[in-house]
């Protein structure tokens, strides 16, 4: 899903979440998507709501488009914990405008991050490499696999939104004229392998990638500062458009990742549950490291949720009521 570059959408403020509280939390469903970060977040919400707030929450497996569409049209699942709303901007906008869904807050406090990444050990050795200007002055540090006289930036496979953006920005920043070439990875696995191989050998590598991901949880990478602000008009006109002939230098906007709930649920739910959902968010670094642990241990979303709760008490206790915190610790 993060293979698609998503437009940034400003969520409507949280409003009017009050209402009659249940004697208990009641029955509800939580959408779990088919990628790690969404899976572990759905399981985290289920564990906290069931054990801390006496809910009867079940997880339903879905994906971004059907989950948000169903939330708008049917009011179920009641909670979509990790909604990348830029994938369905019209559905999301209409659902908000028609007061059928409520955005209770950001799932990822920094939003989804996509960009050009290099290993942190390179920046530690040469701080100027934290900027694109510094990178472009040193193509020799990023040798292309087929021609070491040129620098390389590894791109994703055809069909990814990020691949289009990287190709357009390569033209906009004149990478070819500065001694660089764009190398197509061909597949997600090949892109991961190129980064991992270079990192394990402590070699130079520049690549398109995104966060949160297990790979960035395992390998400490730095997102290169492209040196220009985000221009959303240019983004829509050309940066994200494959056949646009004259792209201008631009930055990549963060993707807004929200927790959405059905309006009927927001109106009738225990306010303490909504308070938890509005406070519950985490950073890309936190999620990436948790995903790396899950990958290394072949762990499920349920395993990952418990691992997070055991090792990040200071963080999650700020999301829940004191009474809920004691119940959650007892359940662990």
C-alpha atoms as a PDB file:
ATOM      1  CA  UNK A   1       0.000   0.000   0.000  1.00  0.00           C
ATOM      2  CA  UNK A   2       2.821   2.378   0.773  1.00  0.00           C
ATOM      3  CA  UNK A   3       3.997   1.662  -2.731  1.00  0.00           C
ATOM      4  CA  UNK A   4       1.490   4.299  -3.788  1.00  0.00           C
ATOM      5  CA  UNK A   5       2.247   7.958  -3.297  1.00  0.00           C
ATOM      6  CA  UNK A   6      -0.698   9.435  -1.500  1.00  0.00           C
ATOM      7  CA  UNK A   7      -1.962  12.989  -1.577  1.00  0.00           C
ATOM      8  CA  UNK A   8      -1.979  14.901   1.671  1.00  0.00           C
ATOM      9  CA  UNK A   9      -5.455  15.605   3.000  1.00  0.00           C
ATOM     10  CA  UNK A  10      -6.227  17.819   5.937  1.00  0.00           C
ATOM     11  CA  UNK A  11      -8.464  15.958   8.351  1.00  0.00           C
ATOM     12  CA  UNK A  12     -11.450  17.687   9.879  1.00  0.00           C
ATOM     13  CA  UNK A  13     -11.042  18.503  13.548  1.00  0.00           C
ATOM     14  CA  UNK A  14     -12.319  16.051  16.110  1.00  0.00           C
ATOM     15  CA  UNK A  15     -15.684  17.309  17.207  1.00  0.00           C
ATOM     16  CA  UNK A  16     -18.785  16.275  19.065  1.00  0.00           C
ATOM     17  CA  UNK A  17     -17.563  12.871  20.162  1.00  0.00           C
ATOM     18  CA  UNK A  18     -19.688  12.905  23.250  1.00  0.00           C
ATOM     19  CA  UNK A  19     -22.904  10.991  23.692  1.00  0.00           C
ATOM     20  CA  UNK A  20     -24.529   8.423  25.864  1.00  0.00           C
ATOM     21  CA  UNK A  21     -21.937   6.053  27.240  1.00  0.00           C
ATOM     22  CA  UNK A  22     -22.479   2.321  27.176  1.00  0.00           C
ATOM     23  CA  UNK A  23     -22.620   0.510  30.499  1.00  0.00           C
ATOM     24  CA  UNK A  24     -19.682  -1.248  28.928  1.00  0.00           C
ATOM     25  CA  UNK A  25     -17.898  -0.752  25.622  1.00  0.00           C
ATOM     26  CA  UNK A  26     -20.090  -3.136  23.629  1.00  0.00           C
ATOM     27  CA  UNK A  27     -19.462  -5.122  20.464  1.00  0.00           C
ATOM     28  CA  UNK A  28     -17.459  -3.630  17.597  1.00  0.00           C
ATOM     29  CA  UNK A  29     -15.175  -4.551  14.718  1.00  0.00           C
ATOM     30  CA  UNK A  30     -11.679  -3.272  13.951  1.00  0.00           C
ATOM     31  CA  UNK A  31     -10.222  -3.310  10.442  1.00  0.00           C
ATOM     32  CA  UNK A  32      -6.824  -4.980  10.017  1.00  0.00           C
ATOM     33  CA  UNK A  33      -5.133  -4.333   6.675  1.00  0.00           C
ATOM     34  CA  UNK A  34      -2.800  -6.660   4.805  1.00  0.00           C
ATOM     35  CA  UNK A  35       0.475  -5.039   5.892  1.00  0.00           C
ATOM     36  CA  UNK A  36       2.408  -5.294   9.146  1.00  0.00           C
ATOM     37  CA  UNK A  37       1.958  -1.849  10.659  1.00  0.00           C
ATOM     38  CA  UNK A  38      -1.819  -1.928  10.240  1.00  0.00           C
ATOM     39  CA  UNK A  39      -2.018  -5.519  11.474  1.00  0.00           C
ATOM     40  CA  UNK A  40      -0.149  -4.817  14.685  1.00  0.00           C
ATOM     41  CA  UNK A  41      -2.083  -1.592  15.331  1.00  0.00           C
ATOM     42  CA  UNK A  42      -5.431  -3.370  14.922  1.00  0.00           C
ATOM     43  CA  UNK A  43      -4.306  -6.035  17.379  1.00  0.00           C
ATOM     44  CA  UNK A  44      -3.032  -3.387  19.781  1.00  0.00           C
ATOM     45  CA  UNK A  45      -6.394  -1.611  19.733  1.00  0.00           C
ATOM     46  CA  UNK A  46      -8.210  -4.904  20.221  1.00  0.00           C
ATOM     47  CA  UNK A  47      -6.066  -5.869  23.232  1.00  0.00           C
ATOM     48  CA  UNK A  48      -6.372  -2.461  24.883  1.00  0.00           C
ATOM     49  CA  UNK A  49     -10.095  -2.067  24.241  1.00  0.00           C
ATOM     50  CA  UNK A  50     -11.023  -5.594  25.281  1.00  0.00           C
ATOM     51  CA  UNK A  51      -8.831  -5.754  28.362  1.00  0.00           C
ATOM     52  CA  UNK A  52      -8.800  -2.113  29.415  1.00  0.00           C
ATOM     53  CA  UNK A  53     -12.315  -0.985  28.529  1.00  0.00           C
ATOM     54  CA  UNK A  54     -14.353  -4.214  28.628  1.00  0.00           C
ATOM     55  CA  UNK A  55     -15.098  -4.118  24.918  1.00  0.00           C
ATOM     56  CA  UNK A  56     -15.989  -7.106  22.791  1.00  0.00           C
ATOM     57  CA  UNK A  57     -13.895  -6.135  19.767  1.00  0.00           C
ATOM     58  CA  UNK A  58     -13.243  -8.463  16.864  1.00  0.00           C
ATOM     59  CA  UNK A  59     -10.757  -7.964  14.045  1.00  0.00           C
ATOM     60  CA  UNK A  60     -11.870  -8.143  10.449  1.00  0.00           C
ATOM     61  CA  UNK A  61      -9.296  -8.403   7.666  1.00  0.00           C
ATOM     62  CA  UNK A  62      -9.702  -5.824   4.917  1.00  0.00           C
ATOM     63  CA  UNK A  63      -7.769  -3.296   2.850  1.00  0.00           C
ATOM     64  CA  UNK A  64      -7.796   0.477   2.609  1.00  0.00           C
ATOM     65  CA  UNK A  65     -10.334   0.970  -0.168  1.00  0.00           C
ATOM     66  CA  UNK A  66     -12.996  -1.555   0.959  1.00  0.00           C
ATOM     67  CA  UNK A  67     -12.568  -0.718   4.653  1.00  0.00           C
ATOM     68  CA  UNK A  68     -13.040   3.039   4.282  1.00  0.00           C
ATOM     69  CA  UNK A  69     -15.805   2.586   1.707  1.00  0.00           C
ATOM     70  CA  UNK A  70     -17.659   0.227   4.047  1.00  0.00           C
ATOM     71  CA  UNK A  71     -17.104   2.600   6.960  1.00  0.00           C
ATOM     72  CA  UNK A  72     -18.806   5.376   4.985  1.00  0.00           C
ATOM     73  CA  UNK A  73     -21.599   3.326   3.417  1.00  0.00           C
ATOM     74  CA  UNK A  74     -22.417   0.817   6.193  1.00  0.00           C
ATOM     75  CA  UNK A  75     -20.895   2.159   9.394  1.00  0.00           C
ATOM     76  CA  UNK A  76     -18.753  -0.957   9.762  1.00  0.00           C
ATOM     77  CA  UNK A  77     -16.099  -1.816  10.687  1.00  0.00           C
ATOM     78  CA  UNK A  78     -16.557   0.660  13.494  1.00  0.00           C
ATOM     79  CA  UNK A  79     -12.827   1.440  13.693  1.00  0.00           C
ATOM     80  CA  UNK A  80     -10.210   1.728  10.943  1.00  0.00           C
ATOM     81  CA  UNK A  81      -7.002   2.228  12.968  1.00  0.00           C
ATOM     82  CA  UNK A  82      -4.579   2.957  10.107  1.00  0.00           C
ATOM     83  CA  UNK A  83      -6.367   4.692   7.249  1.00  0.00           C
ATOM     84  CA  UNK A  84      -4.128   5.990   4.452  1.00  0.00           C
ATOM     85  CA  UNK A  85      -6.845   8.358   3.315  1.00  0.00           C
ATOM     86  CA  UNK A  86      -5.014   9.583   0.222  1.00  0.00           C
ATOM     87  CA  UNK A  87      -5.796   6.251  -1.451  1.00  0.00           C
ATOM     88  CA  UNK A  88      -9.491   7.113  -1.437  1.00  0.00           C
ATOM     89  CA  UNK A  89      -9.603  10.928  -1.270  1.00  0.00           C
ATOM     90  CA  UNK A  90     -13.098  11.265  -2.749  1.00  0.00           C
ATOM     91  CA  UNK A  91     -14.627   8.592  -0.509  1.00  0.00           C
ATOM     92  CA  UNK A  92     -12.927  10.046   2.544  1.00  0.00           C
ATOM     93  CA  UNK A  93     -13.940  13.618   1.706  1.00  0.00           C
ATOM     94  CA  UNK A  94     -17.568  12.677   1.043  1.00  0.00           C
ATOM     95  CA  UNK A  95     -17.750  10.605   4.217  1.00  0.00           C
ATOM     96  CA  UNK A  96     -16.509  13.540   6.262  1.00  0.00           C
ATOM     97  CA  UNK A  97     -18.730  16.041   4.453  1.00  0.00           C
ATOM     98  CA  UNK A  98     -21.812  13.858   4.921  1.00  0.00           C
ATOM     99  CA  UNK A  99     -20.959  13.327   8.605  1.00  0.00           C
ATOM    100  CA  UNK A 100     -20.762   9.549   8.232  1.00  0.00           C
ATOM    101  CA  UNK A 101     -17.245   9.122   9.593  1.00  0.00           C
ATOM    102  CA  UNK A 102     -15.123  10.851  12.220  1.00  0.00           C
ATOM    103  CA  UNK A 103     -11.369  11.293  12.210  1.00  0.00           C
ATOM    104  CA  UNK A 104     -10.277  10.902  15.828  1.00  0.00           C
ATOM    105  CA  UNK A 105      -6.589  11.602  15.226  1.00  0.00           C
ATOM    106  CA  UNK A 106      -3.363  10.623  13.515  1.00  0.00           C
ATOM    107  CA  UNK A 107      -2.216   7.009  13.645  1.00  0.00           C
ATOM    108  CA  UNK A 108       1.322   7.975  12.651  1.00  0.00           C
ATOM    109  CA  UNK A 109       2.315  11.178  14.410  1.00  0.00           C
ATOM    110  CA  UNK A 110       4.635  12.201  11.532  1.00  0.00           C
ATOM    111  CA  UNK A 111       2.503  10.741   8.757  1.00  0.00           C
ATOM    112  CA  UNK A 112       3.783   8.150   6.341  1.00  0.00           C
ATOM    113  CA  UNK A 113       7.238   9.151   5.112  1.00  0.00           C
ATOM    114  CA  UNK A 114       8.476   8.467   1.594  1.00  0.00           C
ATOM    115  CA  UNK A 115      11.667   9.753   0.088  1.00  0.00           C
ATOM    116  CA  UNK A 116      15.279   9.078  -0.857  1.00  0.00           C
ATOM    117  CA  UNK A 117      17.251   7.353   1.905  1.00  0.00           C
ATOM    118  CA  UNK A 118      20.921   6.689   2.631  1.00  0.00           C
ATOM    119  CA  UNK A 119      22.552   4.762   5.510  1.00  0.00           C
ATOM    120  CA  UNK A 120      23.084   6.704   8.718  1.00  0.00           C
ATOM    121  CA  UNK A 121      26.729   5.629   8.837  1.00  0.00           C
ATOM    122  CA  UNK A 122      27.316   7.634   5.663  1.00  0.00           C
ATOM    123  CA  UNK A 123      25.822  10.765   7.211  1.00  0.00           C
ATOM    124  CA  UNK A 124      27.810  10.208  10.405  1.00  0.00           C
ATOM    125  CA  UNK A 125      30.999  10.146   8.333  1.00  0.00           C
ATOM    126  CA  UNK A 126      29.972  12.932   5.939  1.00  0.00           C
ATOM    127  CA  UNK A 127      27.227  15.178   7.405  1.00  0.00           C
ATOM    128  CA  UNK A 128      26.790  17.009   4.093  1.00  0.00           C
ATOM    129  CA  UNK A 129      25.256  13.829   2.669  1.00  0.00           C
ATOM    130  CA  UNK A 130      22.115  14.535   4.671  1.00  0.00           C
ATOM    131  CA  UNK A 131      21.164  16.922   1.858  1.00  0.00           C
ATOM    132  CA  UNK A 132      20.604  16.214  -1.808  1.00  0.00           C
ATOM    133  CA  UNK A 133      23.118  18.923  -2.674  1.00  0.00           C
ATOM    134  CA  UNK A 134      25.763  17.017  -0.727  1.00  0.00           C
ATOM    135  CA  UNK A 135      24.785  13.690  -2.273  1.00  0.00           C
ATOM    136  CA  UNK A 136      24.958  15.038  -5.824  1.00  0.00           C
ATOM    137  CA  UNK A 137      28.473  16.327  -5.219  1.00  0.00           C
ATOM    138  CA  UNK A 138      29.670  12.765  -4.514  1.00  0.00           C
ATOM    139  CA  UNK A 139      28.382  10.264  -7.090  1.00  0.00           C
ATOM    140  CA  UNK A 140      31.479   8.148  -6.421  1.00  0.00           C
ATOM    141  CA  UNK A 141      30.077   7.249  -2.987  1.00  0.00           C
ATOM    142  CA  UNK A 142      27.026   5.588  -4.573  1.00  0.00           C
ATOM    143  CA  UNK A 143      28.458   3.452  -7.413  1.00  0.00           C
ATOM    144  CA  UNK A 144      26.002   2.066  -9.952  1.00  0.00           C
ATOM    145  CA  UNK A 145      26.051  -1.752 -10.180  1.00  0.00           C
ATOM    146  CA  UNK A 146      26.661  -1.812 -13.945  1.00  0.00           C
ATOM    147  CA  UNK A 147      28.897   1.254 -14.227  1.00  0.00           C
ATOM    148  CA  UNK A 148      30.830   2.303 -11.138  1.00  0.00           C
ATOM    149  CA  UNK A 149      31.867   5.533 -12.828  1.00  0.00           C
ATOM    150  CA  UNK A 150      28.331   6.769 -12.188  1.00  0.00           C
ATOM    151  CA  UNK A 151      26.345   7.215  -9.015  1.00  0.00           C
ATOM    152  CA  UNK A 152      23.069   5.311  -8.656  1.00  0.00           C
ATOM    153  CA  UNK A 153      19.715   5.848  -7.060  1.00  0.00           C
ATOM    154  CA  UNK A 154      17.710   2.644  -6.694  1.00  0.00           C
ATOM    155  CA  UNK A 155      14.083   3.014  -7.662  1.00  0.00           C
ATOM    156  CA  UNK A 156      11.046   0.825  -7.074  1.00  0.00           C
ATOM    157  CA  UNK A 157       9.469  -1.366  -9.758  1.00  0.00           C
ATOM    158  CA  UNK A 158       7.151  -0.111 -12.466  1.00  0.00           C
ATOM    159  CA  UNK A 159       3.629   0.531 -11.234  1.00  0.00           C
ATOM    160  CA  UNK A 160       4.567   2.118  -7.931  1.00  0.00           C
ATOM    161  CA  UNK A 161       3.626   5.740  -7.410  1.00  0.00           C
ATOM    162  CA  UNK A 162       7.001   6.238  -5.773  1.00  0.00           C
ATOM    163  CA  UNK A 163       8.727   5.030  -8.920  1.00  0.00           C
ATOM    164  CA  UNK A 164       7.004   7.712 -10.958  1.00  0.00           C
ATOM    165  CA  UNK A 165       7.945  10.380  -8.434  1.00  0.00           C
ATOM    166  CA  UNK A 166      11.589   9.294  -8.286  1.00  0.00           C
ATOM    167  CA  UNK A 167      11.844   9.339 -12.083  1.00  0.00           C
ATOM    168  CA  UNK A 168      10.312  12.809 -12.218  1.00  0.00           C
ATOM    169  CA  UNK A 169      12.494  14.199  -9.439  1.00  0.00           C
ATOM    170  CA  UNK A 170      15.581  12.675 -11.073  1.00  0.00           C
ATOM    171  CA  UNK A 171      14.780  14.794 -14.131  1.00  0.00           C
ATOM    172  CA  UNK A 172      13.885  17.856 -12.068  1.00  0.00           C
ATOM    173  CA  UNK A 173      17.170  17.783 -10.134  1.00  0.00           C
ATOM    174  CA  UNK A 174      19.164  16.758 -13.254  1.00  0.00           C
ATOM    175  CA  UNK A 175      20.664  13.646 -11.674  1.00  0.00           C
ATOM    176  CA  UNK A 176      21.996  12.481 -15.042  1.00  0.00           C
ATOM    177  CA  UNK A 177      23.868  15.729 -15.559  1.00  0.00           C
ATOM    178  CA  UNK A 178      25.423  15.349 -12.121  1.00  0.00           C
ATOM    179  CA  UNK A 179      26.774  11.867 -12.784  1.00  0.00           C
ATOM    180  CA  UNK A 180      23.904   9.727 -11.496  1.00  0.00           C
ATOM    181  CA  UNK A 181      21.683   7.111 -13.103  1.00  0.00           C
ATOM    182  CA  UNK A 182      18.340   5.704 -11.956  1.00  0.00           C
ATOM    183  CA  UNK A 183      18.468   1.937 -11.392  1.00  0.00           C
ATOM    184  CA  UNK A 184      15.140   0.104 -11.476  1.00  0.00           C
ATOM    185  CA  UNK A 185      15.003  -2.538  -8.754  1.00  0.00           C
ATOM    186  CA  UNK A 186      12.436  -4.553 -10.687  1.00  0.00           C
ATOM    187  CA  UNK A 187      10.620  -5.774  -7.584  1.00  0.00           C
ATOM    188  CA  UNK A 188      10.107  -4.942  -3.925  1.00  0.00           C
ATOM    189  CA  UNK A 189      12.311  -7.872  -2.931  1.00  0.00           C
ATOM    190  CA  UNK A 190      15.103  -6.688  -5.207  1.00  0.00           C
ATOM    191  CA  UNK A 191      14.921  -3.169  -3.790  1.00  0.00           C
ATOM    192  CA  UNK A 192      15.140  -4.541  -0.252  1.00  0.00           C
ATOM    193  CA  UNK A 193      18.025  -6.790  -1.241  1.00  0.00           C
ATOM    194  CA  UNK A 194      20.005  -3.937  -2.809  1.00  0.00           C
ATOM    195  CA  UNK A 195      19.683  -1.842   0.343  1.00  0.00           C
ATOM    196  CA  UNK A 196      20.405  -4.745   2.694  1.00  0.00           C
ATOM    197  CA  UNK A 197      23.463  -5.890   0.719  1.00  0.00           C
ATOM    198  CA  UNK A 198      25.004  -2.419   0.738  1.00  0.00           C
ATOM    199  CA  UNK A 199      24.183  -1.863   4.398  1.00  0.00           C
ATOM    200  CA  UNK A 200      25.647  -5.170   5.559  1.00  0.00           C
ATOM    201  CA  UNK A 201      28.847  -4.353   3.652  1.00  0.00           C
ATOM    202  CA  UNK A 202      28.855  -0.765   4.952  1.00  0.00           C
ATOM    203  CA  UNK A 203      28.856   0.510   1.379  1.00  0.00           C
ATOM    204  CA  UNK A 204      27.132   3.521  -0.118  1.00  0.00           C
ATOM    205  CA  UNK A 205      23.546   3.256  -1.288  1.00  0.00           C
ATOM    206  CA  UNK A 206      20.885   5.806  -2.241  1.00  0.00           C
ATOM    207  CA  UNK A 207      17.356   4.499  -2.705  1.00  0.00           C
ATOM    208  CA  UNK A 208      13.702   5.377  -2.773  1.00  0.00           C
ATOM    209  CA  UNK A 209      11.973   3.925   0.274  1.00  0.00           C
ATOM    210  CA  UNK A 210       9.257   4.648   2.816  1.00  0.00           C
ATOM    211  CA  UNK A 211       8.424   4.420   6.518  1.00  0.00           C
ATOM    212  CA  UNK A 212       7.229   2.731   8.591  1.00  0.00           C
ATOM    213  CA  UNK A 213       8.784  -0.506   7.350  1.00  0.00           C
ATOM    214  CA  UNK A 214      10.587  -3.420   8.924  1.00  0.00           C
ATOM    215  CA  UNK A 215      13.623  -2.761   6.727  1.00  0.00           C
ATOM    216  CA  UNK A 216      14.065   0.738   8.168  1.00  0.00           C
ATOM    217  CA  UNK A 217      13.529  -0.752  11.606  1.00  0.00           C
ATOM    218  CA  UNK A 218      16.465  -3.098  11.001  1.00  0.00           C
ATOM    219  CA  UNK A 219      18.749  -0.727   9.086  1.00  0.00           C
ATOM    220  CA  UNK A 220      19.151   2.821  10.342  1.00  0.00           C
ATOM    221  CA  UNK A 221      18.654   5.080   7.345  1.00  0.00           C
ATOM    222  CA  UNK A 222      18.393   8.849   6.914  1.00  0.00           C
ATOM    223  CA  UNK A 223      15.838  10.536   4.686  1.00  0.00           C
ATOM    224  CA  UNK A 224      17.734  12.942   2.424  1.00  0.00           C
ATOM    225  CA  UNK A 225      16.654  16.582   2.612  1.00  0.00           C
ATOM    226  CA  UNK A 226      15.862  17.546  -0.990  1.00  0.00           C
ATOM    227  CA  UNK A 227      16.460  21.209  -0.190  1.00  0.00           C
ATOM    228  CA  UNK A 228      13.122  22.573  -1.360  1.00  0.00           C
ATOM    229  CA  UNK A 229       9.699  22.871   0.279  1.00  0.00           C
ATOM    230  CA  UNK A 230       6.708  20.811  -0.780  1.00  0.00           C
ATOM    231  CA  UNK A 231       4.771  22.485  -3.574  1.00  0.00           C
ATOM    232  CA  UNK A 232       1.427  20.702  -3.780  1.00  0.00           C
ATOM    233  CA  UNK A 233       0.414  22.491  -6.982  1.00  0.00           C
ATOM    234  CA  UNK A 234       3.582  21.248  -8.667  1.00  0.00           C
ATOM    235  CA  UNK A 235       3.055  17.832  -7.090  1.00  0.00           C
ATOM    236  CA  UNK A 236      -0.354  17.483  -8.718  1.00  0.00           C
ATOM    237  CA  UNK A 237       0.718  19.096 -11.984  1.00  0.00           C
ATOM    238  CA  UNK A 238       3.884  17.162 -12.661  1.00  0.00           C
ATOM    239  CA  UNK A 239       5.857  15.529  -9.836  1.00  0.00           C
ATOM    240  CA  UNK A 240       3.402  12.630  -9.527  1.00  0.00           C
ATOM    241  CA  UNK A 241       2.437  12.501 -13.223  1.00  0.00           C
ATOM    242  CA  UNK A 242       4.450  10.013 -15.280  1.00  0.00           C
ATOM    243  CA  UNK A 243       4.168  11.698 -18.670  1.00  0.00           C
ATOM    244  CA  UNK A 244       4.642  15.301 -17.506  1.00  0.00           C
ATOM    245  CA  UNK A 245       7.579  16.610 -19.590  1.00  0.00           C
ATOM    246  CA  UNK A 246       8.877  19.438 -17.407  1.00  0.00           C
ATOM    247  CA  UNK A 247       9.045  18.530 -13.708  1.00  0.00           C
ATOM    248  CA  UNK A 248      10.420  21.137 -11.332  1.00  0.00           C
ATOM    249  CA  UNK A 249      12.395  20.485  -8.132  1.00  0.00           C
ATOM    250  CA  UNK A 250      10.028  19.492  -5.363  1.00  0.00           C
ATOM    251  CA  UNK A 251       9.858  17.605  -2.070  1.00  0.00           C
ATOM    252  CA  UNK A 252       7.704  14.585  -1.245  1.00  0.00           C
ATOM    253  CA  UNK A 253       4.774  15.344   1.075  1.00  0.00           C
ATOM    254  CA  UNK A 254       3.995  13.093   4.038  1.00  0.00           C
ATOM    255  CA  UNK A 255       0.978  10.830   3.719  1.00  0.00           C
ATOM    256  CA  UNK A 256      -1.766  11.497   6.228  1.00  0.00           C
ATOM    257  CA  UNK A 257      -2.558   8.338   8.179  1.00  0.00           C
ATOM    258  CA  UNK A 258      -5.639   8.628  10.365  1.00  0.00           C
ATOM    259  CA  UNK A 259      -7.740   6.644  12.792  1.00  0.00           C
ATOM    260  CA  UNK A 260     -11.318   6.729  11.495  1.00  0.00           C
ATOM    261  CA  UNK A 261     -14.483   5.652  13.249  1.00  0.00           C
ATOM    262  CA  UNK A 262     -18.086   5.375  12.101  1.00  0.00           C
ATOM    263  CA  UNK A 263     -20.228   8.334  13.138  1.00  0.00           C
ATOM    264  CA  UNK A 264     -22.909   6.176  14.825  1.00  0.00           C
ATOM    265  CA  UNK A 265     -20.165   4.547  16.902  1.00  0.00           C
ATOM    266  CA  UNK A 266     -18.696   7.955  17.785  1.00  0.00           C
ATOM    267  CA  UNK A 267     -22.138   9.133  18.923  1.00  0.00           C
ATOM    268  CA  UNK A 268     -22.875   6.157  21.174  1.00  0.00           C
ATOM    269  CA  UNK A 269     -19.508   4.858  22.354  1.00  0.00           C
ATOM    270  CA  UNK A 270     -18.065   5.251  25.815  1.00  0.00           C
ATOM    271  CA  UNK A 271     -16.212   8.605  25.722  1.00  0.00           C
ATOM    272  CA  UNK A 272     -13.223   6.928  27.398  1.00  0.00           C
ATOM    273  CA  UNK A 273     -12.824   4.673  24.354  1.00  0.00           C
ATOM    274  CA  UNK A 274     -12.816   7.650  22.019  1.00  0.00           C
ATOM    275  CA  UNK A 275     -10.387   9.445  24.293  1.00  0.00           C
ATOM    276  CA  UNK A 276      -7.999   6.492  23.985  1.00  0.00           C
ATOM    277  CA  UNK A 277      -8.302   6.386  20.184  1.00  0.00           C
ATOM    278  CA  UNK A 278      -7.672  10.137  19.939  1.00  0.00           C
ATOM    279  CA  UNK A 279      -4.480   9.896  22.028  1.00  0.00           C
ATOM    280  CA  UNK A 280      -3.105   6.680  20.549  1.00  0.00           C
ATOM    281  CA  UNK A 281      -0.423   7.430  17.953  1.00  0.00           C
ATOM    282  CA  UNK A 282       3.193   6.475  17.440  1.00  0.00           C
ATOM    283  CA  UNK A 283       6.232   7.450  15.408  1.00  0.00           C
ATOM    284  CA  UNK A 284       7.548   5.784  12.280  1.00  0.00           C
ATOM    285  CA  UNK A 285      10.689   4.784  14.165  1.00  0.00           C
ATOM    286  CA  UNK A 286       8.670   3.048  16.895  1.00  0.00           C
ATOM    287  CA  UNK A 287       6.578   1.136  14.372  1.00  0.00           C
ATOM    288  CA  UNK A 288       9.518   0.267  12.102  1.00  0.00           C
ATOM    289  CA  UNK A 289      11.496  -1.246  14.988  1.00  0.00           C
ATOM    290  CA  UNK A 290       8.460  -3.222  16.114  1.00  0.00           C
ATOM    291  CA  UNK A 291       7.938  -4.478  12.555  1.00  0.00           C
ATOM    292  CA  UNK A 292      11.591  -5.506  12.355  1.00  0.00           C
ATOM    293  CA  UNK A 293      11.144  -7.529  15.564  1.00  0.00           C
ATOM    294  CA  UNK A 294       8.021  -9.149  14.096  1.00  0.00           C
ATOM    295  CA  UNK A 295       9.855 -10.049  10.882  1.00  0.00           C
ATOM    296  CA  UNK A 296      12.865 -11.480  12.682  1.00  0.00           C
ATOM    297  CA  UNK A 297      10.646 -13.551  14.977  1.00  0.00           C
ATOM    298  CA  UNK A 298       7.975 -14.481  12.408  1.00  0.00           C
ATOM    299  CA  UNK A 299       5.519 -12.887  14.825  1.00  0.00           C
ATOM    300  CA  UNK A 300       1.827 -12.223  14.307  1.00  0.00           C
ATOM    301  CA  UNK A 301       0.092  -8.916  14.861  1.00  0.00           C
ATOM    302  CA  UNK A 302      -1.081 -10.211  18.247  1.00  0.00           C
ATOM    303  CA  UNK A 303       2.503 -11.102  19.188  1.00  0.00           C
ATOM    304  CA  UNK A 304       3.677  -7.670  18.088  1.00  0.00           C
ATOM    305  CA  UNK A 305       0.998  -5.882  20.105  1.00  0.00           C
ATOM    306  CA  UNK A 306       2.004  -7.708  23.284  1.00  0.00           C
ATOM    307  CA  UNK A 307       5.695  -7.085  22.614  1.00  0.00           C
ATOM    308  CA  UNK A 308       4.981  -3.373  22.285  1.00  0.00           C
ATOM    309  CA  UNK A 309       2.899  -3.263  25.465  1.00  0.00           C
ATOM    310  CA  UNK A 310       5.564  -5.083  27.486  1.00  0.00           C
ATOM    311  CA  UNK A 311       8.376  -2.775  26.396  1.00  0.00           C
ATOM    312  CA  UNK A 312       6.736   0.632  25.974  1.00  0.00           C
ATOM    313  CA  UNK A 313       4.677   1.088  29.129  1.00  0.00           C
ATOM    314  CA  UNK A 314       5.590   4.752  29.493  1.00  0.00           C
ATOM    315  CA  UNK A 315       4.222   5.464  26.020  1.00  0.00           C
ATOM    316  CA  UNK A 316       0.941   3.583  26.075  1.00  0.00           C
ATOM    317  CA  UNK A 317       0.015   4.509  29.652  1.00  0.00           C
ATOM    318  CA  UNK A 318      -0.299   8.082  28.391  1.00  0.00           C
ATOM    319  CA  UNK A 319      -3.058   6.912  26.036  1.00  0.00           C
ATOM    320  CA  UNK A 320      -5.325   5.177  28.545  1.00  0.00           C
ATOM    321  CA  UNK A 321      -7.086   5.883  31.820  1.00  0.00           C
ATOM    322  CA  UNK A 322      -5.420   4.757  35.062  1.00  0.00           C
ATOM    323  CA  UNK A 323      -8.141   2.145  35.567  1.00  0.00           C
ATOM    324  CA  UNK A 324      -7.640   0.769  32.062  1.00  0.00           C
ATOM    325  CA  UNK A 325      -3.860   0.730  32.527  1.00  0.00           C
ATOM    326  CA  UNK A 326      -4.135  -1.572  35.558  1.00  0.00           C
ATOM    327  CA  UNK A 327      -6.428  -3.965  33.687  1.00  0.00           C
ATOM    328  CA  UNK A 328      -4.084  -4.044  30.678  1.00  0.00           C
ATOM    329  CA  UNK A 329      -1.039  -4.765  32.852  1.00  0.00           C
ATOM    330  CA  UNK A 330      -2.933  -7.563  34.583  1.00  0.00           C
ATOM    331  CA  UNK A 331      -3.931  -9.060  31.233  1.00  0.00           C
ATOM    332  CA  UNK A 332      -0.300  -9.076  30.086  1.00  0.00           C
END
